[in-house]
Amino acid sequence: MRAQKAFEEQYGKQPEHTAFTPYRICPIGAHSDHQLGKITGFAIDKGIHIAYSATPNGVVEISSLQFEKRAQWHVVSTPATKAGDWADHLRGATISLNERYPLRVGLCAVVDGELPIGGLSSSAAVIITFVTALAKLNGIVLTEPELITISKEAENKYVGVSCGKLDQSCEIYCKKDHLLYMDLLDDSLELIPKPSNMKNHAIAIFFSGVERTLTGSKFNMRVDECRSAAYALKAYAGMEYGKFDETHLRDVPREVYDKYKDKLPETWRLRAEHWYTEFERVEKGAQAWRRGDIEEFGRLSFESGYSSIYNWETGSPELKKMYEIMRATDGIYGGRFSGAGFKGCCMALIDPTFEESIKRKMTDEYTAAFPALKEKFSIHICHSADGVKLS
């Protein structure tokens, strides 16, 4: 493990512990968790590794093999304002954990990501890995909902990203060879096993060569547009809407949207259109998975990607081109860009017998369109995996 080797080189000793959190993909259900929608997801067998040891004086000293700057703070006096670096996610997590369970022990650690940054919930995976390590050293046993809440708070309250809990839920609840089907209204979930009649498939990750961050992107704007649409629809229908920040599209029945959608500003209507149709796609996708119909499940994932581009209005030029190539490639059941869609990766469910031809076609056509990214573009074949284990 690279993190373990780097720790030994940096500190001149072996780490006391190591841990792993998988990345996640969401084939159907994107851009809906923050509006209390439904999601589908898989954890994959690539993710974030950490090698760490305790620091009894309460100091956190952590470095990443993906970033140059080493970060340091104290568990009981974590800076209340962001430093503007990669470790802000972990400072926020320290504060959230310390508010619930007073911390005494810090850690020295090295973290490492197996895949390029962007679109695979790497920030959530890093936070979860860090929180589980810090909790272990302080003798804290977290429940799965607690870990999700603490990790989400770090992004919402400290980093300033208005994400829902899709990423954290997938990385914690998922199970190998099962589809996570989850309702964010009440956090009910089902792990649907891969049916015996389902065709073989693998998960392909196509990295565009362009990394991305949600902070500073239009992600928060899209969330605000959804909430504005929900607020307006309730007003048109004479519904009680309470506080603005408690209003979600999930509060508004589809028939209300259908009746009043033409009154909405165009951007609000498009965001709502994506949300309502994505909600329906998730339900249809779960049904297709239960039947073992990977072709239909993949088709719905392609539809999800289309709606994300034209209704959610996201997707960089690189990801849009990659999506177009995917749709025209034999052996790809379905897919979409992964994550918020401003850069990063696309994911696809593929027929493993087409793996080599898929790699050739995707590489040739994508690098022809973006020759400057030829050295950064990469393809990774993955499989479903279990979520993080809490001890």
Protein backbone atom coordinates (compact mmCIF):
# COMPACT_ATOMS: atom_id res chain seq x y z
CA MET A 1 0.00 0.00 0.00
CA ARG A 2 1.48 3.33 -1.06
CA ALA A 3 0.11 5.19 1.98
CA GLN A 4 1.83 2.75 4.34
CA LYS A 5 5.14 3.01 2.52
CA ALA A 6 4.96 6.82 2.48
CA PHE A 7 4.16 6.84 6.21
CA GLU A 8 7.22 4.70 6.96
CA GLU A 9 9.43 6.99 4.89
CA GLN A 10 8.01 10.12 6.51
CA TYR A 11 7.97 9.02 10.15
CA GLY A 12 10.65 6.32 10.21
CA LYS A 13 8.32 3.71 11.67
CA GLN A 14 5.41 1.54 10.68
CA PRO A 15 1.89 2.93 11.14
CA GLU A 16 -0.19 1.53 13.98
CA HIS A 17 -3.27 1.18 11.78
CA THR A 18 -4.49 1.29 8.19
CA ALA A 19 -8.02 1.76 6.86
CA PHE A 20 -9.87 1.93 3.54
CA THR A 21 -13.03 3.61 2.24
CA PRO A 22 -14.34 2.79 -1.27
CA TYR A 23 -15.31 5.32 -3.87
CA ARG A 24 -18.90 5.25 -5.09
CA ILE A 25 -20.83 5.56 -8.32
CA CYS A 26 -24.48 6.52 -8.80
CA PRO A 27 -25.87 5.06 -12.06
CA ILE A 28 -29.34 6.59 -11.54
CA GLY A 29 -30.45 9.17 -8.99
CA ALA A 30 -27.94 11.96 -9.54
CA HIS A 31 -28.60 15.53 -8.38
CA SER A 32 -31.55 14.47 -6.24
CA ASP A 33 -30.34 13.60 -2.75
CA HIS A 34 -30.29 17.24 -1.58
CA GLN A 35 -34.02 17.37 -2.47
CA LEU A 36 -34.74 14.17 -0.52
CA GLY A 37 -35.09 12.02 -3.61
CA LYS A 38 -34.26 8.37 -4.22
CA ILE A 39 -30.88 7.04 -5.32
CA THR A 40 -29.14 3.94 -6.59
CA GLY A 41 -25.49 3.28 -6.03
CA PHE A 42 -22.50 0.97 -5.79
CA ALA A 43 -19.30 1.14 -3.83
CA ILE A 44 -16.36 0.11 -6.01
CA ASP A 45 -13.16 -1.78 -5.25
CA LYS A 46 -10.98 1.33 -5.51
CA GLY A 47 -10.89 4.08 -2.94
CA ILE A 48 -9.03 5.99 -0.23
CA HIS A 49 -6.34 4.39 1.94
CA ILE A 50 -4.96 5.80 5.17
CA ALA A 51 -1.96 4.77 7.24
CA TYR A 52 -1.93 6.35 10.69
CA SER A 53 -0.73 6.35 14.29
CA ALA A 54 -1.91 8.11 17.44
CA THR A 55 -0.52 11.41 18.68
CA PRO A 56 -1.37 11.58 22.41
CA ASN A 57 -0.85 15.37 22.49
CA GLY A 58 -3.97 15.86 20.32
CA VAL A 59 -2.19 17.15 17.22
CA VAL A 60 -3.46 16.12 13.80
CA GLU A 61 -0.71 15.99 11.18
CA ILE A 62 -1.80 14.65 7.84
CA SER A 63 -0.48 14.57 4.30
CA SER A 64 -1.86 13.30 1.00
CA LEU A 65 -0.04 11.66 -1.87
CA GLN A 66 -2.29 13.67 -4.21
CA PHE A 67 -1.50 17.12 -2.77
CA GLU A 68 1.75 18.81 -1.78
CA LYS A 69 0.83 20.63 1.40
CA ARG A 70 0.95 18.82 4.76
CA ALA A 71 -1.75 20.04 7.16
CA GLN A 72 -1.69 20.35 10.93
CA TRP A 73 -4.14 21.38 13.68
CA HIS A 74 -5.25 20.34 17.18
CA VAL A 75 -8.36 18.29 17.90
CA VAL A 76 -9.66 20.73 20.53
CA SER A 77 -8.70 23.97 18.79
CA THR A 78 -9.38 23.32 15.11
CA PRO A 79 -9.48 26.61 13.15
CA ALA A 80 -13.06 27.81 12.73
CA THR A 81 -12.34 29.23 9.27
CA LYS A 82 -11.17 27.43 6.16
CA ALA A 83 -7.56 27.43 5.08
CA GLY A 84 -8.55 26.91 1.45
CA ASP A 85 -6.68 23.66 1.00
CA TRP A 86 -7.54 19.99 0.58
CA ALA A 87 -7.58 19.38 4.35
CA ASP A 88 -10.51 21.72 5.00
CA HIS A 89 -12.81 18.71 4.70
CA LEU A 90 -10.93 17.06 7.56
CA ARG A 91 -10.83 20.15 9.74
CA GLY A 92 -14.61 20.37 9.41
CA ALA A 93 -14.92 16.69 10.27
CA THR A 94 -12.76 17.17 13.38
CA ILE A 95 -15.05 19.93 14.59
CA SER A 96 -18.21 17.91 13.93
CA LEU A 97 -16.86 14.83 15.70
CA ASN A 98 -15.52 16.86 18.64
CA GLU A 99 -18.92 18.52 19.15
CA ARG A 100 -20.43 15.08 19.79
CA TYR A 101 -17.54 13.25 21.45
CA PRO A 102 -14.80 15.33 23.10
CA LEU A 103 -11.50 14.36 21.53
CA ARG A 104 -8.15 13.97 23.26
CA VAL A 105 -6.00 11.92 20.88
CA GLY A 106 -4.86 13.18 17.48
CA LEU A 107 -3.13 11.33 14.67
CA CYS A 108 -0.29 11.48 12.21
CA ALA A 109 -1.32 10.06 8.87
CA VAL A 110 -0.81 9.69 5.14
CA VAL A 111 -3.80 9.31 2.82
CA ASP A 112 -3.78 8.06 -0.76
CA GLY A 113 -6.43 7.81 -3.46
CA GLU A 114 -6.28 4.99 -5.99
CA LEU A 115 -8.02 6.86 -8.83
CA PRO A 116 -7.81 10.41 -10.20
CA ILE A 117 -9.76 13.07 -8.31
CA GLY A 118 -13.15 14.13 -9.61
CA GLY A 119 -16.58 12.53 -9.76
CA LEU A 120 -16.07 9.53 -7.49
CA SER A 121 -16.94 11.18 -4.16
CA SER A 122 -13.28 11.28 -3.19
CA SER A 123 -13.93 14.09 -0.69
CA ALA A 124 -16.58 12.04 1.12
CA ALA A 125 -14.32 8.99 1.09
CA VAL A 126 -11.42 10.96 2.56
CA ILE A 127 -13.66 12.38 5.30
CA ILE A 128 -15.10 8.98 6.20
CA THR A 129 -11.65 7.40 6.30
CA PHE A 130 -10.33 10.18 8.51
CA VAL A 131 -13.32 10.20 10.89
CA THR A 132 -13.21 6.43 11.39
CA ALA A 133 -9.49 6.64 12.17
CA LEU A 134 -9.87 9.54 14.61
CA ALA A 135 -12.82 7.84 16.30
CA LYS A 136 -10.90 4.58 16.69
CA LEU A 137 -7.96 6.29 18.37
CA ASN A 138 -10.31 8.06 20.79
CA GLY A 139 -12.24 4.92 21.68
CA ILE A 140 -15.42 6.14 19.96
CA VAL A 141 -17.77 3.68 18.30
CA LEU A 142 -19.90 5.49 15.72
CA THR A 143 -23.11 4.22 14.23
CA GLU A 144 -23.52 4.33 10.46
CA PRO A 145 -26.03 7.24 10.59
CA GLU A 146 -23.68 9.19 12.87
CA LEU A 147 -20.77 8.73 10.50
CA ILE A 148 -22.90 9.88 7.57
CA THR A 149 -24.14 12.96 9.45
CA ILE A 150 -20.68 13.98 10.67
CA SER A 151 -19.17 13.55 7.21
CA LYS A 152 -21.98 15.50 5.54
CA GLU A 153 -21.71 18.31 8.09
CA ALA A 154 -18.04 18.74 7.28
CA GLU A 155 -18.92 19.49 3.66
CA ASN A 156 -22.08 21.52 4.31
CA LYS A 157 -21.08 23.65 7.28
CA TYR A 158 -17.31 23.97 6.99
CA VAL A 159 -16.39 23.55 3.33
CA GLY A 160 -19.62 25.15 2.09
CA VAL A 161 -20.87 22.53 -0.38
CA SER A 162 -24.65 21.99 -0.29
CA CYS A 163 -24.46 18.27 -0.97
CA GLY A 164 -26.88 15.63 0.26
CA LYS A 165 -25.94 12.27 1.71
CA LEU A 166 -25.72 10.16 -1.45
CA ASP A 167 -21.93 9.83 -1.38
CA GLN A 168 -21.62 8.94 2.27
CA SER A 169 -24.55 6.51 2.16
CA CYS A 170 -23.11 4.58 -0.78
CA GLU A 171 -19.66 4.39 0.74
CA ILE A 172 -21.03 3.07 4.03
CA TYR A 173 -24.12 0.98 3.22
CA CYS A 174 -23.23 -0.67 -0.10
CA LYS A 175 -22.57 -4.38 -0.42
CA LYS A 176 -20.67 -6.30 -3.09
CA ASP A 177 -22.90 -7.60 -5.91
CA HIS A 178 -25.87 -5.63 -4.58
CA LEU A 179 -27.56 -2.44 -5.75
CA LEU A 180 -28.18 0.14 -3.04
CA TYR A 181 -31.72 1.53 -3.45
CA MET A 182 -32.32 4.29 -0.92
CA ASP A 183 -35.00 6.86 -0.14
CA LEU A 184 -33.48 10.01 1.35
CA LEU A 185 -36.84 11.16 2.73
CA ASP A 186 -36.61 8.69 5.60
CA ASP A 187 -33.23 7.03 4.90
CA SER A 188 -34.90 3.69 4.27
CA LEU A 189 -32.80 1.44 2.09
CA GLU A 190 -32.73 -1.88 0.33
CA LEU A 191 -29.72 -3.83 -0.86
CA ILE A 192 -30.99 -5.64 -3.95
CA PRO A 193 -28.83 -8.67 -4.82
CA LYS A 194 -27.65 -9.24 -8.37
CA PRO A 195 -30.17 -11.72 -9.83
CA SER A 196 -28.82 -15.04 -11.06
CA ASN A 197 -30.19 -14.36 -14.54
CA MET A 198 -28.42 -11.01 -14.93
CA LYS A 199 -25.68 -10.80 -17.55
CA ASN A 200 -22.14 -10.26 -16.37
CA HIS A 201 -21.04 -6.68 -16.08
CA ALA A 202 -18.14 -4.61 -14.85
CA ILE A 203 -17.81 -0.94 -13.97
CA ALA A 204 -15.65 1.25 -16.20
CA ILE A 205 -14.36 4.59 -14.97
CA PHE A 206 -13.26 6.96 -17.73
CA PHE A 207 -11.18 9.83 -16.35
CA SER A 208 -11.41 12.92 -18.52
CA GLY A 209 -7.99 14.22 -17.54
CA VAL A 210 -9.53 17.28 -15.89
CA GLU A 211 -9.95 17.33 -12.13
CA ARG A 212 -12.70 19.28 -10.46
CA THR A 213 -13.88 20.67 -7.16
CA LEU A 214 -17.45 21.45 -6.09
CA THR A 215 -16.47 24.56 -4.18
CA GLY A 216 -16.45 27.43 -6.66
CA SER A 217 -18.47 25.42 -9.19
CA LYS A 218 -22.15 25.87 -9.99
CA PHE A 219 -23.16 22.99 -7.74
CA ASN A 220 -24.57 25.17 -4.95
CA MET A 221 -26.41 27.31 -7.49
CA ARG A 222 -28.21 24.24 -8.85
CA VAL A 223 -29.30 23.27 -5.33
CA ASP A 224 -30.62 26.78 -4.71
CA GLU A 225 -32.55 26.68 -8.00
CA CYS A 226 -34.26 23.45 -6.92
CA ARG A 227 -35.25 24.94 -3.60
CA SER A 228 -36.49 28.09 -5.31
CA ALA A 229 -38.62 26.00 -7.66
CA ALA A 230 -40.11 24.11 -4.70
CA TYR A 231 -40.81 27.35 -2.86
CA ALA A 232 -42.51 28.88 -5.91
CA LEU A 233 -44.59 25.77 -6.67
CA LYS A 234 -45.89 25.70 -3.12
CA ALA A 235 -46.78 29.38 -3.34
CA TYR A 236 -48.66 28.88 -6.64
CA ALA A 237 -50.58 25.95 -5.17
CA GLY A 238 -51.35 27.72 -1.89
CA MET A 239 -49.45 25.10 0.09
CA GLU A 240 -47.82 25.78 3.43
CA TYR A 241 -44.11 26.02 2.89
CA GLY A 242 -42.57 26.93 6.23
CA LYS A 243 -39.02 28.17 6.24
CA PHE A 244 -37.28 28.52 2.90
CA ASP A 245 -34.36 26.28 3.83
CA GLU A 246 -36.74 23.49 4.81
CA THR A 247 -38.46 23.43 1.42
CA HIS A 248 -37.57 20.64 -1.00
CA LEU A 249 -39.02 19.39 -4.26
CA ARG A 250 -39.91 16.17 -2.43
CA ASP A 251 -42.51 18.26 -0.56
CA VAL A 252 -44.29 19.09 -3.81
CA PRO A 253 -46.40 16.36 -5.51
CA ARG A 254 -45.71 15.69 -9.18
CA GLU A 255 -49.23 16.80 -10.12
CA VAL A 256 -48.58 20.22 -8.57
CA TYR A 257 -45.41 20.54 -10.62
CA ASP A 258 -47.23 19.50 -13.81
CA LYS A 259 -49.96 22.08 -13.16
CA TYR A 260 -47.74 25.05 -12.40
CA LYS A 261 -44.41 24.30 -14.10
CA ASP A 262 -45.04 26.77 -16.93
CA LYS A 263 -45.14 29.57 -14.36
CA LEU A 264 -41.60 28.84 -13.23
CA PRO A 265 -38.55 30.65 -14.59
CA GLU A 266 -36.92 28.47 -17.22
CA THR A 267 -33.90 27.51 -15.13
CA TRP A 268 -36.05 26.53 -12.15
CA ARG A 269 -38.35 24.48 -14.38
CA LEU A 270 -35.44 22.60 -15.92
CA ARG A 271 -33.96 21.74 -12.52
CA ALA A 272 -37.35 20.51 -11.32
CA GLU A 273 -37.89 18.54 -14.53
CA HIS A 274 -34.66 16.69 -13.94
CA TRP A 275 -35.56 15.96 -10.33
CA TYR A 276 -39.05 14.58 -11.01
CA THR A 277 -37.99 12.47 -13.98
CA GLU A 278 -34.90 11.22 -12.12
CA PHE A 279 -37.11 10.14 -9.23
CA GLU A 280 -39.12 8.02 -11.67
CA ARG A 281 -35.98 6.62 -13.30
CA VAL A 282 -34.67 5.44 -9.94
CA GLU A 283 -37.88 3.53 -9.26
CA LYS A 284 -37.84 1.98 -12.73
CA GLY A 285 -34.14 1.18 -12.36
CA ALA A 286 -34.69 -0.72 -9.12
CA GLN A 287 -37.43 -2.74 -10.83
CA ALA A 288 -35.16 -3.51 -13.79
CA TRP A 289 -32.37 -4.63 -11.47
CA ARG A 290 -34.70 -6.98 -9.62
CA ARG A 291 -35.68 -8.55 -12.96
CA GLY A 292 -32.04 -8.96 -13.94
CA ASP A 293 -32.52 -6.60 -16.89
CA ILE A 294 -29.11 -4.93 -17.15
CA GLU A 295 -29.95 -3.51 -20.59
CA GLU A 296 -32.94 -1.58 -19.23
CA PHE A 297 -31.02 -0.49 -16.17
CA GLY A 298 -28.24 0.78 -18.43
CA ARG A 299 -30.70 2.56 -20.72
CA LEU A 300 -32.12 4.42 -17.71
CA SER A 301 -28.58 5.39 -16.69
CA PHE A 302 -28.03 6.86 -20.16
CA GLU A 303 -31.33 8.75 -19.77
CA SER A 304 -30.12 10.07 -16.44
CA GLY A 305 -27.00 11.38 -18.12
CA TYR A 306 -29.03 13.06 -20.87
CA SER A 307 -31.28 14.80 -18.35
CA SER A 308 -28.26 15.93 -16.35
CA ILE A 309 -26.87 17.61 -19.45
CA TYR A 310 -30.03 19.19 -20.83
CA ASN A 311 -32.24 19.73 -17.74
CA TRP A 312 -29.70 20.03 -14.94
CA GLU A 313 -27.46 21.85 -17.45
CA THR A 314 -24.15 20.55 -16.25
CA GLY A 315 -21.35 18.55 -17.76
CA SER A 316 -18.10 19.99 -19.05
CA PRO A 317 -17.27 19.78 -22.79
CA GLU A 318 -14.98 16.85 -21.99
CA LEU A 319 -17.63 14.90 -20.10
CA LYS A 320 -20.31 15.62 -22.68
CA LYS A 321 -18.07 14.30 -25.45
CA MET A 322 -17.23 11.23 -23.39
CA TYR A 323 -20.95 10.62 -22.79
CA GLU A 324 -21.62 10.82 -26.55
CA ILE A 325 -18.86 8.30 -27.28
CA MET A 326 -20.17 5.96 -24.59
CA ARG A 327 -23.65 5.97 -26.11
CA ALA A 328 -22.24 4.92 -29.47
CA THR A 329 -19.94 2.18 -28.15
CA ASP A 330 -20.85 -1.51 -28.36
CA GLY A 331 -20.66 -3.33 -25.05
CA ILE A 332 -21.64 -0.38 -22.86
CA TYR A 333 -25.01 -1.04 -21.25
CA GLY A 334 -25.32 2.50 -19.91
CA GLY A 335 -23.61 5.26 -18.03
CA ARG A 336 -23.31 8.94 -17.26
CA PHE A 337 -20.82 11.38 -15.87
CA SER A 338 -20.07 10.67 -12.25
CA GLY A 339 -20.52 13.25 -9.52
CA ALA A 340 -21.60 16.84 -10.07
CA GLY A 341 -20.48 16.76 -13.69
CA PHE A 342 -18.33 19.86 -13.90
CA LYS A 343 -15.20 17.86 -14.73
CA GLY A 344 -13.84 14.54 -13.48
CA CYS A 345 -15.07 11.12 -14.63
CA CYS A 346 -17.74 9.21 -16.47
CA MET A 347 -18.87 5.79 -15.29
CA ALA A 348 -20.35 2.99 -17.34
CA LEU A 349 -21.72 -0.49 -16.83
CA ILE A 350 -20.07 -2.65 -19.46
CA ASP A 351 -20.11 -6.16 -20.85
CA PRO A 352 -16.66 -7.52 -19.84
CA THR A 353 -16.29 -9.39 -23.14
CA PHE A 354 -16.10 -5.98 -24.88
CA GLU A 355 -13.52 -4.54 -22.48
CA GLU A 356 -10.62 -4.22 -24.94
CA SER A 357 -12.69 -2.82 -27.80
CA ILE A 358 -14.32 -0.34 -25.40
CA LYS A 359 -10.92 0.83 -24.21
CA ARG A 360 -9.68 1.29 -27.78
CA LYS A 361 -12.73 3.18 -29.01
CA MET A 362 -13.01 5.42 -25.96
CA THR A 363 -9.31 6.24 -26.03
CA ASP A 364 -9.09 6.87 -29.77
CA GLU A 365 -12.18 9.06 -30.06
CA TYR A 366 -11.77 10.99 -26.83
CA THR A 367 -8.08 11.81 -27.32
CA ALA A 368 -8.78 12.79 -30.93
CA ALA A 369 -11.29 15.32 -29.61
CA PHE A 370 -9.00 16.51 -26.77
CA PRO A 371 -5.41 15.78 -27.82
CA ALA A 372 -4.00 17.96 -25.03
CA LEU A 373 -5.45 15.51 -22.50
CA LYS A 374 -3.96 12.38 -24.07
CA GLU A 375 -1.40 11.86 -21.30
CA LYS A 376 -3.93 12.47 -18.52
CA PHE A 377 -6.91 10.49 -19.86
CA SER A 378 -7.21 7.06 -18.27
CA ILE A 379 -9.56 4.07 -18.02
CA HIS A 380 -10.06 1.93 -14.94
CA ILE A 381 -12.08 -1.29 -14.78
CA CYS A 382 -13.65 -1.85 -11.37
CA HIS A 383 -16.23 -4.03 -9.63
CA SER A 384 -18.76 -3.53 -6.88
CA ALA A 385 -17.52 -3.74 -3.30
CA ASP A 386 -18.60 -3.60 0.31
CA GLY A 387 -18.91 -0.27 2.04
CA VAL A 388 -16.65 0.81 4.89
CA LYS A 389 -16.77 -1.42 7.96
CA LEU A 390 -17.25 0.12 11.40
CA SER A 391 -15.71 -1.64 14.41
